[in-house]
Amino acid sequence: MKKEYPQFDEIKVCESEEEAVRGADIISFTTVAQCGDDPEIVDTYPYVAKEGVKPVFFISMPSAAKFDDEMIVNAKCVVDNKMLYEAWEEEYPYPTYPKIAVIGSKFTNLIYEGKKKEEDILVSTNLLGHGFVVDEEITRFPGFVHKAAVHPVIECSQNIPCNSCHSAYHKGCISIRENMTSLPISVKESTCINCGMLSRSGYLPGRRT
C-alpha cells in the first residue's frame, strides 16, 4: 500500500467502521454491497453513526453505506446525474436503495418519504443535470478521443463496479482496464462499426463526429 500510494504519510487498517470514520475530514466508501427487494439488506452496509463523525465533513461514495436519515436530511447532497437516479427510481420502485445500492437512490427514497425536496439534491454539473454530456464537457473524461469516424462516446461519470459497456461491445472498442471501478475508455486501436449494441443495450449512445 505504501509503495502504491507514497503521497500518504500513514496508512492504518481499522478494526471497525466507527474507528475508520472517527474524526475524519474526508470519508470515502467503495463498498461491494448486496442488492435485493428486502429493505433489511441496508443493515448489512457499513454504518456511519452521527455520534462518530465530525459536525462538518465531506463524504464521497459511489456505492452503499447506512446512515441515520437525520444525517442525510440535514446534509448537502450532491449527485453526478440526477436523471440517472430518477430513472432507477422509476424502474425499481420505492424502496429503491436496497435494490441499487448506490447512495443517490437513498436520496430519492427520502424525497419519496417527504423528508427531502427535489431541489435539495444538487447536481455536480448543470450539464449532467440534463441527462447527457455535451461536447464541451466530454473532454473532461478519460474516454474522450479525437477521431474523424464513427466511435463510441463515453458518458459515464461514476466510479462504480460495473463493466456493462465493456461486455456489450464485442468489438473491443471500450475498455475498463484492470480496475472494474475505473471509468471506461475508448480503445484507440479498435475500429467502431456503428453496430448500435450499446444503444440497444441501454448503456451508451454512439456518436458520429
N, C-alpha and C. Protein backbone atom coordinates (compact mmCIF):
# COMPACT_ATOMS: atom_id res chain seq x y z
N MET A 1 0.82 -1.21 0.00
CA MET A 1 0.00 0.00 0.00
C MET A 1 0.85 1.25 0.00
N LYS A 2 1.88 1.27 0.84
CA LYS A 2 2.73 2.45 0.93
C LYS A 2 3.47 2.68 -0.38
N LYS A 3 3.84 1.61 -1.04
CA LYS A 3 4.55 1.73 -2.31
C LYS A 3 3.63 2.27 -3.39
N GLU A 4 2.37 1.86 -3.37
CA GLU A 4 1.43 2.29 -4.40
C GLU A 4 0.90 3.69 -4.14
N TYR A 5 0.82 4.09 -2.86
CA TYR A 5 0.30 5.42 -2.51
C TYR A 5 1.31 6.16 -1.64
N PRO A 6 2.45 6.56 -2.20
CA PRO A 6 3.51 7.21 -1.41
C PRO A 6 3.11 8.59 -0.89
N GLN A 7 2.04 9.18 -1.44
CA GLN A 7 1.62 10.51 -1.00
C GLN A 7 1.01 10.51 0.40
N PHE A 8 0.65 9.33 0.91
CA PHE A 8 0.06 9.25 2.24
C PHE A 8 1.15 8.98 3.28
N ASP A 9 1.15 9.82 4.31
CA ASP A 9 2.15 9.66 5.38
C ASP A 9 1.88 8.42 6.21
N GLU A 10 0.60 8.10 6.39
CA GLU A 10 0.25 6.97 7.24
C GLU A 10 -0.96 6.23 6.67
N ILE A 11 -0.87 4.93 6.59
CA ILE A 11 -1.99 4.09 6.18
C ILE A 11 -2.28 3.14 7.33
N LYS A 12 -3.51 3.21 7.83
CA LYS A 12 -3.87 2.44 9.02
C LYS A 12 -5.05 1.53 8.71
N VAL A 13 -4.94 0.27 9.07
CA VAL A 13 -6.05 -0.67 8.94
C VAL A 13 -6.88 -0.62 10.22
N CYS A 14 -8.17 -0.29 10.08
CA CYS A 14 -9.04 -0.12 11.25
C CYS A 14 -9.85 -1.39 11.50
N GLU A 15 -10.21 -1.58 12.75
CA GLU A 15 -10.95 -2.77 13.14
C GLU A 15 -12.46 -2.62 12.96
N SER A 16 -12.93 -1.39 12.81
CA SER A 16 -14.37 -1.17 12.70
C SER A 16 -14.65 0.06 11.85
N GLU A 17 -15.89 0.18 11.36
CA GLU A 17 -16.29 1.37 10.62
C GLU A 17 -16.19 2.62 11.50
N GLU A 18 -16.58 2.47 12.76
CA GLU A 18 -16.53 3.63 13.68
C GLU A 18 -15.11 4.15 13.81
N GLU A 19 -14.15 3.26 13.95
CA GLU A 19 -12.75 3.68 14.08
C GLU A 19 -12.26 4.34 12.80
N ALA A 20 -12.72 3.83 11.65
CA ALA A 20 -12.25 4.35 10.37
C ALA A 20 -12.73 5.78 10.11
N VAL A 21 -13.94 6.12 10.55
CA VAL A 21 -14.50 7.44 10.23
C VAL A 21 -14.32 8.45 11.36
N ARG A 22 -13.95 8.00 12.55
CA ARG A 22 -13.89 8.90 13.69
C ARG A 22 -12.88 10.04 13.45
N GLY A 23 -13.37 11.28 13.52
CA GLY A 23 -12.51 12.45 13.40
C GLY A 23 -12.04 12.75 12.00
N ALA A 24 -12.56 12.06 10.97
CA ALA A 24 -12.10 12.25 9.60
C ALA A 24 -12.73 13.49 8.97
N ASP A 25 -11.94 14.19 8.17
CA ASP A 25 -12.47 15.31 7.38
C ASP A 25 -13.06 14.82 6.07
N ILE A 26 -12.48 13.76 5.52
CA ILE A 26 -12.94 13.19 4.25
C ILE A 26 -13.15 11.69 4.44
N ILE A 27 -14.29 11.20 4.02
CA ILE A 27 -14.62 9.78 4.11
C ILE A 27 -15.02 9.30 2.72
N SER A 28 -14.50 8.15 2.31
CA SER A 28 -14.86 7.60 1.01
C SER A 28 -15.18 6.11 1.14
N PHE A 29 -16.29 5.69 0.54
CA PHE A 29 -16.68 4.29 0.53
C PHE A 29 -16.68 3.78 -0.92
N THR A 30 -16.13 2.61 -1.14
CA THR A 30 -16.29 1.90 -2.42
C THR A 30 -16.75 0.48 -2.07
N THR A 31 -17.94 0.40 -1.55
CA THR A 31 -18.46 -0.83 -0.98
C THR A 31 -18.98 -1.79 -2.05
N VAL A 32 -18.60 -3.04 -1.95
CA VAL A 32 -19.26 -4.09 -2.73
C VAL A 32 -20.43 -4.58 -1.90
N ALA A 33 -21.64 -4.22 -2.31
CA ALA A 33 -22.81 -4.41 -1.46
C ALA A 33 -23.83 -5.36 -2.09
N GLN A 34 -24.64 -5.96 -1.23
CA GLN A 34 -25.74 -6.79 -1.70
C GLN A 34 -26.87 -5.91 -2.22
N CYS A 35 -27.64 -6.43 -3.16
CA CYS A 35 -28.82 -5.75 -3.67
C CYS A 35 -30.00 -6.72 -3.63
N GLY A 36 -31.19 -6.17 -3.46
CA GLY A 36 -32.36 -7.05 -3.45
C GLY A 36 -33.60 -6.31 -3.00
N ASP A 37 -34.72 -7.02 -2.99
CA ASP A 37 -36.00 -6.42 -2.62
C ASP A 37 -36.19 -6.25 -1.12
N ASP A 38 -35.41 -6.95 -0.32
CA ASP A 38 -35.55 -6.90 1.13
C ASP A 38 -34.92 -5.61 1.68
N PRO A 39 -35.71 -4.70 2.24
CA PRO A 39 -35.15 -3.44 2.77
C PRO A 39 -34.10 -3.66 3.86
N GLU A 40 -34.13 -4.81 4.54
CA GLU A 40 -33.18 -5.07 5.61
C GLU A 40 -31.76 -5.32 5.08
N ILE A 41 -31.60 -5.44 3.76
CA ILE A 41 -30.26 -5.56 3.19
C ILE A 41 -29.40 -4.37 3.57
N VAL A 42 -30.04 -3.20 3.72
CA VAL A 42 -29.30 -1.99 4.07
C VAL A 42 -28.57 -2.16 5.40
N ASP A 43 -29.08 -3.00 6.28
CA ASP A 43 -28.45 -3.23 7.58
C ASP A 43 -27.10 -3.93 7.45
N THR A 44 -26.80 -4.51 6.28
CA THR A 44 -25.51 -5.15 6.06
C THR A 44 -24.46 -4.18 5.54
N TYR A 45 -24.87 -2.95 5.21
CA TYR A 45 -23.94 -1.96 4.68
C TYR A 45 -23.11 -1.34 5.81
N PRO A 46 -21.92 -0.83 5.50
CA PRO A 46 -21.14 -0.12 6.53
C PRO A 46 -21.96 1.01 7.14
N TYR A 47 -21.93 1.12 8.47
CA TYR A 47 -22.78 2.08 9.17
C TYR A 47 -21.96 3.27 9.65
N VAL A 48 -22.44 4.46 9.32
CA VAL A 48 -21.81 5.70 9.80
C VAL A 48 -22.78 6.36 10.77
N ALA A 49 -22.44 6.35 12.04
CA ALA A 49 -23.30 6.93 13.06
C ALA A 49 -22.97 8.41 13.25
N LYS A 50 -23.99 9.19 13.52
CA LYS A 50 -23.82 10.63 13.72
C LYS A 50 -22.85 10.92 14.84
N GLU A 51 -22.89 10.12 15.88
CA GLU A 51 -22.04 10.37 17.05
C GLU A 51 -20.56 10.11 16.76
N GLY A 52 -20.26 9.39 15.69
CA GLY A 52 -18.87 9.02 15.43
C GLY A 52 -18.13 9.90 14.45
N VAL A 53 -18.79 10.94 13.94
CA VAL A 53 -18.14 11.78 12.93
C VAL A 53 -18.12 13.24 13.38
N LYS A 54 -17.32 14.02 12.68
CA LYS A 54 -17.26 15.45 12.97
C LYS A 54 -18.58 16.13 12.59
N PRO A 55 -18.85 17.31 13.17
CA PRO A 55 -20.06 18.04 12.79
C PRO A 55 -20.08 18.40 11.30
N VAL A 56 -18.88 18.66 10.73
CA VAL A 56 -18.77 19.00 9.31
C VAL A 56 -17.69 18.11 8.70
N PHE A 57 -18.06 17.37 7.66
CA PHE A 57 -17.10 16.53 6.96
C PHE A 57 -17.62 16.29 5.55
N PHE A 58 -16.73 15.81 4.69
CA PHE A 58 -17.08 15.53 3.30
C PHE A 58 -17.04 14.02 3.08
N ILE A 59 -18.07 13.50 2.44
CA ILE A 59 -18.09 12.06 2.15
C ILE A 59 -18.34 11.85 0.67
N SER A 60 -17.51 11.01 0.06
CA SER A 60 -17.63 10.67 -1.35
C SER A 60 -17.86 9.17 -1.45
N MET A 61 -18.94 8.78 -2.10
CA MET A 61 -19.22 7.35 -2.13
C MET A 61 -20.06 6.96 -3.34
N PRO A 62 -19.44 6.37 -4.35
CA PRO A 62 -20.20 5.83 -5.48
C PRO A 62 -20.70 4.43 -5.17
N SER A 63 -21.19 4.22 -3.96
CA SER A 63 -21.54 2.87 -3.52
C SER A 63 -22.57 2.95 -2.41
N ALA A 64 -22.49 2.03 -1.46
CA ALA A 64 -23.53 1.93 -0.44
C ALA A 64 -22.98 2.05 0.97
N ALA A 65 -23.77 2.63 1.85
CA ALA A 65 -23.48 2.69 3.28
C ALA A 65 -24.81 2.96 3.98
N LYS A 66 -24.81 2.75 5.27
CA LYS A 66 -26.02 3.00 6.06
C LYS A 66 -25.82 4.25 6.90
N PHE A 67 -26.78 5.16 6.83
CA PHE A 67 -26.76 6.38 7.62
C PHE A 67 -28.10 6.52 8.33
N ASP A 68 -28.09 7.21 9.45
CA ASP A 68 -29.35 7.63 10.05
C ASP A 68 -29.97 8.67 9.12
N ASP A 69 -31.28 8.58 8.90
CA ASP A 69 -31.94 9.51 7.97
C ASP A 69 -31.66 10.95 8.32
N GLU A 70 -31.57 11.26 9.60
CA GLU A 70 -31.35 12.64 10.04
C GLU A 70 -30.07 13.21 9.46
N MET A 71 -29.04 12.37 9.35
CA MET A 71 -27.76 12.84 8.81
C MET A 71 -27.91 13.29 7.37
N ILE A 72 -28.62 12.49 6.56
CA ILE A 72 -28.77 12.83 5.14
C ILE A 72 -29.75 13.97 4.96
N VAL A 73 -30.80 14.00 5.76
CA VAL A 73 -31.78 15.09 5.67
C VAL A 73 -31.11 16.44 5.92
N ASN A 74 -30.18 16.48 6.87
CA ASN A 74 -29.52 17.74 7.21
C ASN A 74 -28.26 18.01 6.38
N ALA A 75 -27.90 17.08 5.52
CA ALA A 75 -26.67 17.22 4.73
C ALA A 75 -26.95 17.90 3.40
N LYS A 76 -25.89 18.47 2.81
CA LYS A 76 -25.98 18.96 1.44
C LYS A 76 -25.66 17.78 0.53
N CYS A 77 -26.65 17.33 -0.22
CA CYS A 77 -26.50 16.12 -1.04
C CYS A 77 -26.25 16.51 -2.50
N VAL A 78 -25.22 15.93 -3.07
CA VAL A 78 -24.84 16.24 -4.44
C VAL A 78 -24.71 14.94 -5.22
N VAL A 79 -25.29 14.91 -6.41
CA VAL A 79 -25.17 13.74 -7.28
C VAL A 79 -24.56 14.17 -8.61
N ASP A 80 -24.08 13.19 -9.37
CA ASP A 80 -23.47 13.50 -10.65
C ASP A 80 -24.50 13.58 -11.77
N ASN A 81 -25.59 12.86 -11.64
CA ASN A 81 -26.60 12.82 -12.70
C ASN A 81 -27.95 12.51 -12.08
N LYS A 82 -28.71 13.54 -11.81
CA LYS A 82 -29.98 13.36 -11.12
C LYS A 82 -30.95 12.49 -11.93
N MET A 83 -30.92 12.62 -13.24
CA MET A 83 -31.85 11.86 -14.07
C MET A 83 -31.57 10.36 -14.02
N LEU A 84 -30.33 9.99 -13.76
CA LEU A 84 -29.98 8.58 -13.62
C LEU A 84 -30.73 7.96 -12.44
N TYR A 85 -30.71 8.66 -11.31
CA TYR A 85 -31.37 8.14 -10.11
C TYR A 85 -32.89 8.18 -10.24
N GLU A 86 -33.39 9.17 -10.95
CA GLU A 86 -34.83 9.22 -11.21
C GLU A 86 -35.26 8.06 -12.10
N ALA A 87 -34.41 7.70 -13.06
CA ALA A 87 -34.72 6.56 -13.93
C ALA A 87 -34.70 5.26 -13.14
N TRP A 88 -33.72 5.11 -12.26
CA TRP A 88 -33.66 3.92 -11.42
C TRP A 88 -34.88 3.84 -10.50
N GLU A 89 -35.30 4.99 -9.99
CA GLU A 89 -36.47 5.01 -9.11
C GLU A 89 -37.72 4.56 -9.86
N GLU A 90 -37.82 4.94 -11.14
CA GLU A 90 -38.96 4.54 -11.95
C GLU A 90 -38.91 3.04 -12.26
N GLU A 91 -37.71 2.53 -12.55
CA GLU A 91 -37.57 1.12 -12.90
C GLU A 91 -37.66 0.21 -11.68
N TYR A 92 -37.12 0.69 -10.54
CA TYR A 92 -37.14 -0.09 -9.31
C TYR A 92 -37.87 0.73 -8.24
N PRO A 93 -39.18 0.61 -8.15
CA PRO A 93 -39.97 1.46 -7.26
C PRO A 93 -39.54 1.36 -5.80
N TYR A 94 -39.92 2.38 -5.04
CA TYR A 94 -39.59 2.50 -3.61
C TYR A 94 -39.84 1.20 -2.86
N PRO A 95 -38.92 0.82 -1.97
CA PRO A 95 -37.63 1.47 -1.68
C PRO A 95 -36.55 1.06 -2.69
N THR A 96 -35.98 2.04 -3.33
CA THR A 96 -35.02 1.79 -4.42
C THR A 96 -33.62 1.47 -3.90
N TYR A 97 -33.24 2.07 -2.79
CA TYR A 97 -31.85 1.99 -2.33
C TYR A 97 -31.35 0.55 -2.16
N PRO A 98 -32.07 -0.34 -1.48
CA PRO A 98 -31.54 -1.70 -1.34
C PRO A 98 -31.46 -2.46 -2.67
N LYS A 99 -32.20 -2.02 -3.68
CA LYS A 99 -32.19 -2.70 -4.97
C LYS A 99 -31.03 -2.23 -5.84
N ILE A 100 -30.55 -1.01 -5.60
CA ILE A 100 -29.48 -0.42 -6.43
C ILE A 100 -28.17 -0.34 -5.67
N ALA A 101 -28.22 -0.05 -4.38
CA ALA A 101 -27.04 0.05 -3.52
C ALA A 101 -26.08 1.14 -3.96
N VAL A 102 -26.61 2.25 -4.43
CA VAL A 102 -25.84 3.46 -4.72
C VAL A 102 -26.53 4.60 -3.98
N ILE A 103 -25.76 5.43 -3.29
CA ILE A 103 -26.31 6.37 -2.32
C ILE A 103 -27.32 7.34 -2.92
N GLY A 104 -27.19 7.68 -4.20
CA GLY A 104 -28.15 8.59 -4.81
C GLY A 104 -29.57 8.06 -4.75
N SER A 105 -29.72 6.74 -4.73
CA SER A 105 -31.05 6.15 -4.61
C SER A 105 -31.62 6.31 -3.20
N LYS A 106 -30.75 6.46 -2.22
CA LYS A 106 -31.22 6.77 -0.88
C LYS A 106 -31.81 8.18 -0.85
N PHE A 107 -31.20 9.08 -1.62
CA PHE A 107 -31.72 10.45 -1.69
C PHE A 107 -33.14 10.45 -2.27
N THR A 108 -33.35 9.69 -3.36
CA THR A 108 -34.68 9.66 -3.97
C THR A 108 -35.69 8.98 -3.04
N ASN A 109 -35.24 8.02 -2.24
CA ASN A 109 -36.14 7.42 -1.24
C ASN A 109 -36.60 8.47 -0.24
N LEU A 110 -35.68 9.33 0.21
CA LEU A 110 -36.05 10.36 1.19
C LEU A 110 -37.00 11.39 0.58
N ILE A 111 -36.85 11.66 -0.71
CA ILE A 111 -37.81 12.54 -1.39
C ILE A 111 -39.18 11.88 -1.41
N TYR A 112 -39.22 10.61 -1.72
CA TYR A 112 -40.49 9.86 -1.73
C TYR A 112 -41.15 9.90 -0.36
N GLU A 113 -40.36 9.82 0.71
CA GLU A 113 -40.89 9.83 2.07
C GLU A 113 -41.23 11.23 2.55
N GLY A 114 -40.93 12.24 1.74
CA GLY A 114 -41.23 13.62 2.12
C GLY A 114 -40.22 14.23 3.07
N LYS A 115 -39.05 13.58 3.24
CA LYS A 115 -38.05 14.09 4.17
C LYS A 115 -37.07 15.06 3.49
N LYS A 116 -36.96 14.98 2.16
CA LYS A 116 -36.18 15.94 1.39
C LYS A 116 -36.99 16.36 0.18
N LYS A 117 -36.62 17.50 -0.40
CA LYS A 117 -37.29 18.01 -1.58
C LYS A 117 -36.40 17.81 -2.81
N GLU A 118 -37.02 17.83 -3.98
CA GLU A 118 -36.26 17.68 -5.22
C GLU A 118 -35.12 18.68 -5.30
N GLU A 119 -35.42 19.93 -4.90
CA GLU A 119 -34.40 20.98 -5.01
C GLU A 119 -33.28 20.83 -4.00
N ASP A 120 -33.44 19.92 -3.03
CA ASP A 120 -32.39 19.67 -2.05
C ASP A 120 -31.26 18.84 -2.62
N ILE A 121 -31.51 18.13 -3.73
CA ILE A 121 -30.50 17.28 -4.34
C ILE A 121 -29.82 18.07 -5.45
N LEU A 122 -28.60 18.44 -5.21
CA LEU A 122 -27.86 19.26 -6.16
C LEU A 122 -27.16 18.39 -7.19
N VAL A 123 -26.88 18.97 -8.36
CA VAL A 123 -26.16 18.27 -9.41
C VAL A 123 -24.76 18.85 -9.49
N SER A 124 -23.78 17.98 -9.62
CA SER A 124 -22.39 18.44 -9.58
C SER A 124 -22.06 19.35 -10.75
N THR A 125 -22.67 19.10 -11.92
CA THR A 125 -22.53 20.00 -13.06
C THR A 125 -23.90 20.16 -13.70
N ASN A 126 -24.22 21.35 -14.13
CA ASN A 126 -25.52 21.61 -14.73
C ASN A 126 -25.74 20.80 -16.00
N LEU A 127 -24.69 20.55 -16.73
CA LEU A 127 -24.84 19.83 -17.98
C LEU A 127 -25.27 18.39 -17.75
N LEU A 128 -24.68 17.77 -16.76
CA LEU A 128 -25.08 16.40 -16.45
C LEU A 128 -26.52 16.34 -15.96
N GLY A 129 -27.01 17.47 -15.44
CA GLY A 129 -28.38 17.50 -14.97
C GLY A 129 -29.40 17.29 -16.07
N HIS A 130 -28.96 17.49 -17.34
CA HIS A 130 -29.86 17.27 -18.47
C HIS A 130 -29.85 15.81 -18.93
N GLY A 131 -29.00 15.00 -18.31
CA GLY A 131 -29.02 13.60 -18.64
C GLY A 131 -28.01 13.16 -19.67
N PHE A 132 -27.17 14.07 -20.16
CA PHE A 132 -26.15 13.69 -21.13
C PHE A 132 -24.99 14.66 -21.01
N VAL A 133 -23.86 14.26 -21.57
CA VAL A 133 -22.66 15.11 -21.55
C VAL A 133 -22.54 15.78 -22.90
N VAL A 134 -22.52 17.10 -22.92
CA VAL A 134 -22.41 17.82 -24.18
C VAL A 134 -20.96 17.84 -24.64
N ASP A 135 -20.75 18.23 -25.88
CA ASP A 135 -19.42 18.14 -26.49
C ASP A 135 -18.35 18.88 -25.68
N GLU A 136 -18.70 20.05 -25.15
CA GLU A 136 -17.72 20.84 -24.42
C GLU A 136 -17.24 20.15 -23.15
N GLU A 137 -18.05 19.23 -22.62
CA GLU A 137 -17.71 18.59 -21.36
C GLU A 137 -17.10 17.20 -21.54
N ILE A 138 -17.30 16.61 -22.69
CA ILE A 138 -16.80 15.26 -22.93
C ILE A 138 -15.29 15.18 -22.74
N THR A 139 -14.59 16.25 -23.07
CA THR A 139 -13.12 16.22 -22.99
C THR A 139 -12.61 16.06 -21.57
N ARG A 140 -13.45 16.23 -20.58
CA ARG A 140 -13.01 16.08 -19.19
C ARG A 140 -12.91 14.61 -18.76
N PHE A 141 -13.46 13.71 -19.56
CA PHE A 141 -13.50 12.31 -19.19
C PHE A 141 -12.42 11.53 -19.92
N PRO A 142 -11.88 10.48 -19.28
CA PRO A 142 -10.78 9.74 -19.88
C PRO A 142 -11.16 8.98 -21.14
N GLY A 143 -12.45 8.81 -21.40
CA GLY A 143 -12.86 8.09 -22.59
C GLY A 143 -12.83 8.91 -23.86
N PHE A 144 -12.49 10.19 -23.77
CA PHE A 144 -12.54 11.07 -24.94
C PHE A 144 -11.33 10.85 -25.84
N VAL A 145 -11.59 10.73 -27.13
CA VAL A 145 -10.52 10.66 -28.12
C VAL A 145 -10.91 11.52 -29.32
N HIS A 146 -9.92 12.08 -30.02
CA HIS A 146 -10.15 12.79 -31.27
C HIS A 146 -10.09 11.77 -32.39
N LYS A 147 -11.18 11.61 -33.13
CA LYS A 147 -11.19 10.61 -34.18
C LYS A 147 -12.26 10.97 -35.21
N ALA A 148 -11.86 11.17 -36.45
CA ALA A 148 -12.79 11.55 -37.52
C ALA A 148 -13.43 10.29 -38.08
N ALA A 149 -14.36 9.72 -37.35
CA ALA A 149 -15.03 8.49 -37.76
C ALA A 149 -16.17 8.22 -36.80
N VAL A 150 -16.83 7.09 -36.99
CA VAL A 150 -17.82 6.65 -36.01
C VAL A 150 -17.07 6.02 -34.84
N HIS A 151 -17.40 6.44 -33.65
CA HIS A 151 -16.72 5.88 -32.48
C HIS A 151 -17.61 6.03 -31.25
N PRO A 152 -17.40 5.19 -30.26
CA PRO A 152 -18.21 5.31 -29.03
C PRO A 152 -17.81 6.54 -28.25
N VAL A 153 -18.79 7.21 -27.68
CA VAL A 153 -18.53 8.36 -26.82
C VAL A 153 -18.92 7.96 -25.40
N ILE A 154 -17.96 8.07 -24.49
CA ILE A 154 -18.20 7.64 -23.12
C ILE A 154 -18.90 8.75 -22.34
N GLU A 155 -20.05 8.44 -21.79
CA GLU A 155 -20.79 9.41 -20.98
C GLU A 155 -20.98 8.86 -19.57
N CYS A 156 -20.00 8.15 -19.09
CA CYS A 156 -20.06 7.57 -17.75
C CYS A 156 -19.20 8.42 -16.81
N SER A 157 -19.75 8.79 -15.68
CA SER A 157 -19.01 9.63 -14.74
C SER A 157 -19.00 9.03 -13.34
N GLN A 158 -19.31 7.72 -13.24
CA GLN A 158 -19.37 7.08 -11.93
C GLN A 158 -18.30 6.01 -11.78
N ASN A 159 -17.50 6.12 -10.75
CA ASN A 159 -16.51 5.10 -10.45
C ASN A 159 -17.15 4.02 -9.59
N ILE A 160 -17.96 3.17 -10.24
CA ILE A 160 -18.64 2.09 -9.53
C ILE A 160 -18.26 0.76 -10.17
N PRO A 161 -18.39 -0.35 -9.44
CA PRO A 161 -18.05 -1.65 -10.02
C PRO A 161 -19.03 -2.03 -11.13
N CYS A 162 -18.67 -1.78 -12.37
CA CYS A 162 -19.57 -2.02 -13.49
C CYS A 162 -18.74 -2.23 -14.76
N ASN A 163 -19.09 -3.24 -15.55
CA ASN A 163 -18.41 -3.45 -16.82
C ASN A 163 -19.42 -3.74 -17.93
N SER A 164 -20.63 -3.19 -17.80
CA SER A 164 -21.71 -3.46 -18.75
C SER A 164 -21.33 -3.03 -20.16
N CYS A 165 -20.77 -1.85 -20.30
CA CYS A 165 -20.43 -1.35 -21.63
C CYS A 165 -19.34 -2.21 -22.26
N HIS A 166 -18.36 -2.60 -21.46
CA HIS A 166 -17.27 -3.44 -21.94
C HIS A 166 -17.80 -4.79 -22.43
N SER A 167 -18.74 -5.35 -21.70
CA SER A 167 -19.29 -6.66 -22.05
C SER A 167 -20.17 -6.59 -23.29
N ALA A 168 -20.93 -5.51 -23.44
CA ALA A 168 -21.87 -5.40 -24.56
C ALA A 168 -21.15 -5.14 -25.88
N TYR A 169 -20.03 -4.45 -25.81
CA TYR A 169 -19.34 -4.04 -27.04
C TYR A 169 -18.32 -5.10 -27.42
N HIS A 170 -18.75 -6.07 -28.24
CA HIS A 170 -17.91 -7.23 -28.54
C HIS A 170 -16.75 -6.92 -29.48
N LYS A 171 -16.71 -5.75 -30.08
CA LYS A 171 -15.61 -5.38 -30.98
C LYS A 171 -14.40 -4.84 -30.22
N GLY A 172 -14.51 -4.75 -28.90
CA GLY A 172 -13.36 -4.31 -28.11
C GLY A 172 -13.06 -2.83 -28.19
N CYS A 173 -14.07 -2.02 -28.51
CA CYS A 173 -13.86 -0.58 -28.63
C CYS A 173 -13.84 0.12 -27.27
N ILE A 174 -14.35 -0.55 -26.25
CA ILE A 174 -14.42 0.05 -24.92
C ILE A 174 -13.70 -0.85 -23.92
N SER A 175 -12.94 -0.24 -23.05
CA SER A 175 -12.20 -0.99 -22.04
C SER A 175 -12.36 -0.31 -20.69
N ILE A 176 -12.43 -1.12 -19.64
CA ILE A 176 -12.41 -0.58 -18.28
C ILE A 176 -11.07 -0.85 -17.62
N ARG A 177 -10.12 -1.36 -18.43
CA ARG A 177 -8.76 -1.64 -17.96
C ARG A 177 -8.76 -2.65 -16.81
N GLU A 178 -7.82 -2.60 -15.92
CA GLU A 178 -7.67 -3.64 -14.92
C GLU A 178 -8.62 -3.47 -13.73
N ASN A 179 -9.10 -2.25 -13.48
CA ASN A 179 -9.91 -1.98 -12.31
C ASN A 179 -11.36 -1.77 -12.72
N MET A 180 -12.27 -2.60 -12.22
CA MET A 180 -13.67 -2.51 -12.61
C MET A 180 -14.32 -1.19 -12.21
N THR A 181 -13.75 -0.49 -11.25
CA THR A 181 -14.34 0.78 -10.83
C THR A 181 -13.78 1.96 -11.62
N SER A 182 -12.90 1.70 -12.58
CA SER A 182 -12.34 2.78 -13.40
C SER A 182 -13.38 3.25 -14.42
N LEU A 183 -13.29 4.52 -14.82
CA LEU A 183 -14.15 4.99 -15.89
C LEU A 183 -13.73 4.32 -17.19
N PRO A 184 -14.69 3.92 -18.02
CA PRO A 184 -14.35 3.26 -19.28
C PRO A 184 -13.66 4.21 -20.25
N ILE A 185 -12.85 3.65 -21.13
CA ILE A 185 -12.17 4.45 -22.14
C ILE A 185 -12.45 3.87 -23.52
N SER A 186 -12.33 4.70 -24.52
CA SER A 186 -12.44 4.26 -25.90
C SER A 186 -11.06 3.79 -26.37
N VAL A 187 -10.97 2.56 -26.86
CA VAL A 187 -9.69 1.98 -27.25
C VAL A 187 -9.28 2.52 -28.62
N LYS A 188 -8.18 3.26 -28.67
CA LYS A 188 -7.76 3.95 -29.88
C LYS A 188 -7.49 2.98 -31.03
N GLU A 189 -6.95 1.79 -30.72
CA GLU A 189 -6.53 0.85 -31.76
C GLU A 189 -7.70 0.08 -32.35
N SER A 190 -8.89 0.18 -31.77
CA SER A 190 -10.04 -0.59 -32.25
C SER A 190 -10.79 0.19 -33.33
N THR A 191 -11.70 -0.51 -34.00
CA THR A 191 -12.50 0.10 -35.05
C THR A 191 -13.98 -0.07 -34.74
N CYS A 192 -14.66 1.03 -34.55
CA CYS A 192 -16.10 1.00 -34.29
C CYS A 192 -16.84 0.83 -35.61
N ILE A 193 -17.80 -0.09 -35.66
CA ILE A 193 -18.57 -0.34 -36.89
C ILE A 193 -19.99 0.21 -36.78
N ASN A 194 -20.25 1.01 -35.73
CA ASN A 194 -21.57 1.60 -35.54
C ASN A 194 -22.66 0.53 -35.46
N CYS A 195 -22.37 -0.51 -34.68
CA CYS A 195 -23.31 -1.64 -34.58
C CYS A 195 -24.55 -1.30 -33.76
N GLY A 196 -24.46 -0.30 -32.92
CA GLY A 196 -25.60 0.10 -32.12
C GLY A 196 -25.86 -0.78 -30.91
N MET A 197 -24.92 -1.66 -30.60
CA MET A 197 -25.12 -2.57 -29.48
C MET A 197 -25.34 -1.83 -28.17
N LEU A 198 -24.59 -0.75 -27.96
CA LEU A 198 -24.70 -0.04 -26.70
C LEU A 198 -26.03 0.68 -26.59
N SER A 199 -26.48 1.27 -27.68
CA SER A 199 -27.78 1.95 -27.65
C SER A 199 -28.90 0.98 -27.39
N ARG A 200 -28.84 -0.20 -28.05
CA ARG A 200 -29.90 -1.19 -27.86
C ARG A 200 -29.85 -1.79 -26.46
N SER A 201 -28.64 -1.86 -25.92
CA SER A 201 -28.50 -2.43 -24.58
C SER A 201 -28.81 -1.42 -23.49
N GLY A 202 -28.94 -0.14 -23.87
CA GLY A 202 -29.27 0.89 -22.89
C GLY A 202 -28.07 1.39 -22.12
N TYR A 203 -26.84 1.21 -22.66
CA TYR A 203 -25.67 1.62 -21.92
C TYR A 203 -25.16 2.98 -22.38
N LEU A 204 -24.67 3.06 -23.61
CA LEU A 204 -24.07 4.30 -24.08
C LEU A 204 -24.56 4.58 -25.50
N PRO A 205 -24.64 5.85 -25.89
CA PRO A 205 -25.00 6.16 -27.26
C PRO A 205 -23.77 6.11 -28.16
N GLY A 206 -23.99 5.88 -29.43
CA GLY A 206 -22.92 6.05 -30.40
C GLY A 206 -23.03 7.46 -30.96
N ARG A 207 -21.94 8.03 -31.39
CA ARG A 207 -22.00 9.39 -31.90
C ARG A 207 -21.03 9.54 -33.06
N ARG A 208 -21.44 10.23 -34.09
CA ARG A 208 -20.58 10.46 -35.25
C ARG A 208 -19.98 11.85 -35.16
N THR A 209 -18.65 11.96 -35.33
CA THR A 209 -18.00 13.27 -35.31
C THR A 209 -17.16 13.43 -36.54
